[in-house]
Protein backbone atom coordinates (compact mmCIF):
# COMPACT_ATOMS: atom_id res chain seq x y z
CA MET A 1 0.00 0.00 0.00
CA ALA A 2 1.39 3.39 -0.97
CA VAL A 3 1.73 6.00 1.74
CA LYS A 4 -0.23 9.02 0.62
CA HIS A 5 -0.82 10.72 3.96
CA TYR A 6 0.97 10.81 7.31
CA ARG A 7 -1.99 8.92 8.78
CA ASP A 8 -1.00 5.95 6.59
CA LEU A 9 2.33 5.60 8.46
CA LEU A 10 2.32 2.78 11.00
CA ALA A 11 4.65 4.80 13.28
CA TYR A 12 2.13 7.65 13.30
CA GLN A 13 -0.82 5.33 13.98
CA GLN A 14 0.94 3.64 16.89
CA ALA A 15 2.22 6.91 18.37
CA TYR A 16 -1.22 8.48 18.15
CA GLN A 17 -2.92 5.51 19.84
CA MET A 18 -0.26 5.45 22.56
CA ALA A 19 -0.73 9.18 23.15
CA LEU A 20 -4.49 8.69 23.56
CA GLU A 21 -3.95 5.84 26.02
CA ILE A 22 -1.45 7.84 28.08
CA SER A 23 -3.82 10.77 28.15
CA LYS A 24 -6.68 8.56 29.36
CA MET A 25 -4.52 6.87 32.03
CA THR A 26 -3.22 10.10 33.51
CA ARG A 27 -6.31 12.27 33.18
CA THR A 28 -8.34 11.03 36.14
CA ARG A 29 -5.77 10.02 38.75
CA ALA A 30 -3.01 12.52 38.29
CA GLU A 31 -4.51 15.43 36.40
CA GLN A 32 -3.31 17.94 38.97
CA TYR A 33 0.32 16.87 38.87
CA GLU A 34 2.74 18.59 36.56
CA LEU A 35 4.51 15.37 35.59
CA ALA A 36 1.31 13.84 34.23
CA ARG A 37 0.72 16.93 32.10
CA GLN A 38 4.25 16.79 30.75
CA VAL A 39 3.93 13.09 29.90
CA ARG A 40 0.69 13.74 28.02
CA GLU A 41 2.23 16.64 26.10
CA SER A 42 5.30 14.60 25.22
CA ALA A 43 3.20 11.69 24.01
CA ARG A 44 1.03 13.98 21.89
CA SER A 45 4.07 15.64 20.34
CA ILE A 46 5.27 12.37 18.77
CA PRO A 47 2.42 12.03 16.23
CA ALA A 48 2.43 15.82 15.76
CA ASN A 49 6.13 15.73 14.85
CA ILE A 50 5.53 12.85 12.44
CA ALA A 51 2.78 14.85 10.75
CA GLU A 52 5.01 17.94 10.62
CA GLY A 53 7.79 15.93 8.98
CA TRP A 54 5.28 14.60 6.48
CA ALA A 55 4.07 18.14 5.78
CA LYS A 56 7.58 19.13 4.73
CA ARG A 57 7.30 16.60 1.91
CA GLN A 58 3.91 17.94 0.91
CA SER A 59 4.67 21.63 1.61
CA SER A 60 1.45 22.12 3.58
CA ALA A 61 1.43 23.65 7.06
CA GLU A 62 -2.04 22.29 7.79
CA PHE A 63 -0.94 18.74 8.65
CA ARG A 64 0.31 19.56 12.15
CA ARG A 65 -2.83 21.50 13.01
CA GLN A 66 -4.92 18.55 11.84
CA VAL A 67 -3.27 16.33 14.46
CA TRP A 68 -4.25 18.69 17.27
CA LEU A 69 -7.82 18.80 15.97
CA ASP A 70 -7.85 14.98 15.89
CA PHE A 71 -6.84 14.96 19.57
CA VAL A 72 -9.59 17.46 20.44
CA PHE A 73 -12.24 15.19 18.91
CA ASP A 74 -10.80 11.80 19.93
CA GLU A 75 -10.31 12.86 23.55
CA GLY A 76 -13.88 14.13 23.78
CA TYR A 77 -13.18 17.82 24.29
CA VAL A 78 -15.56 18.67 21.44
């Protein structure tokens, strides 16, 4: 299968799912602690960086913003 979008990359798919799981695990128990927030942000940055690297190939700045919108929807904020 040809990779036509950063979402087709297995590394992106796995990083994104891991980021969602880490966010869910740390949200309820340790939301107030700074370390939990930093872990969530770090986990989310992995798929965002993959998308940004992909965008450099496609010359579109929208890819990275799309990742953050995906998180907003998938984590139930909207």
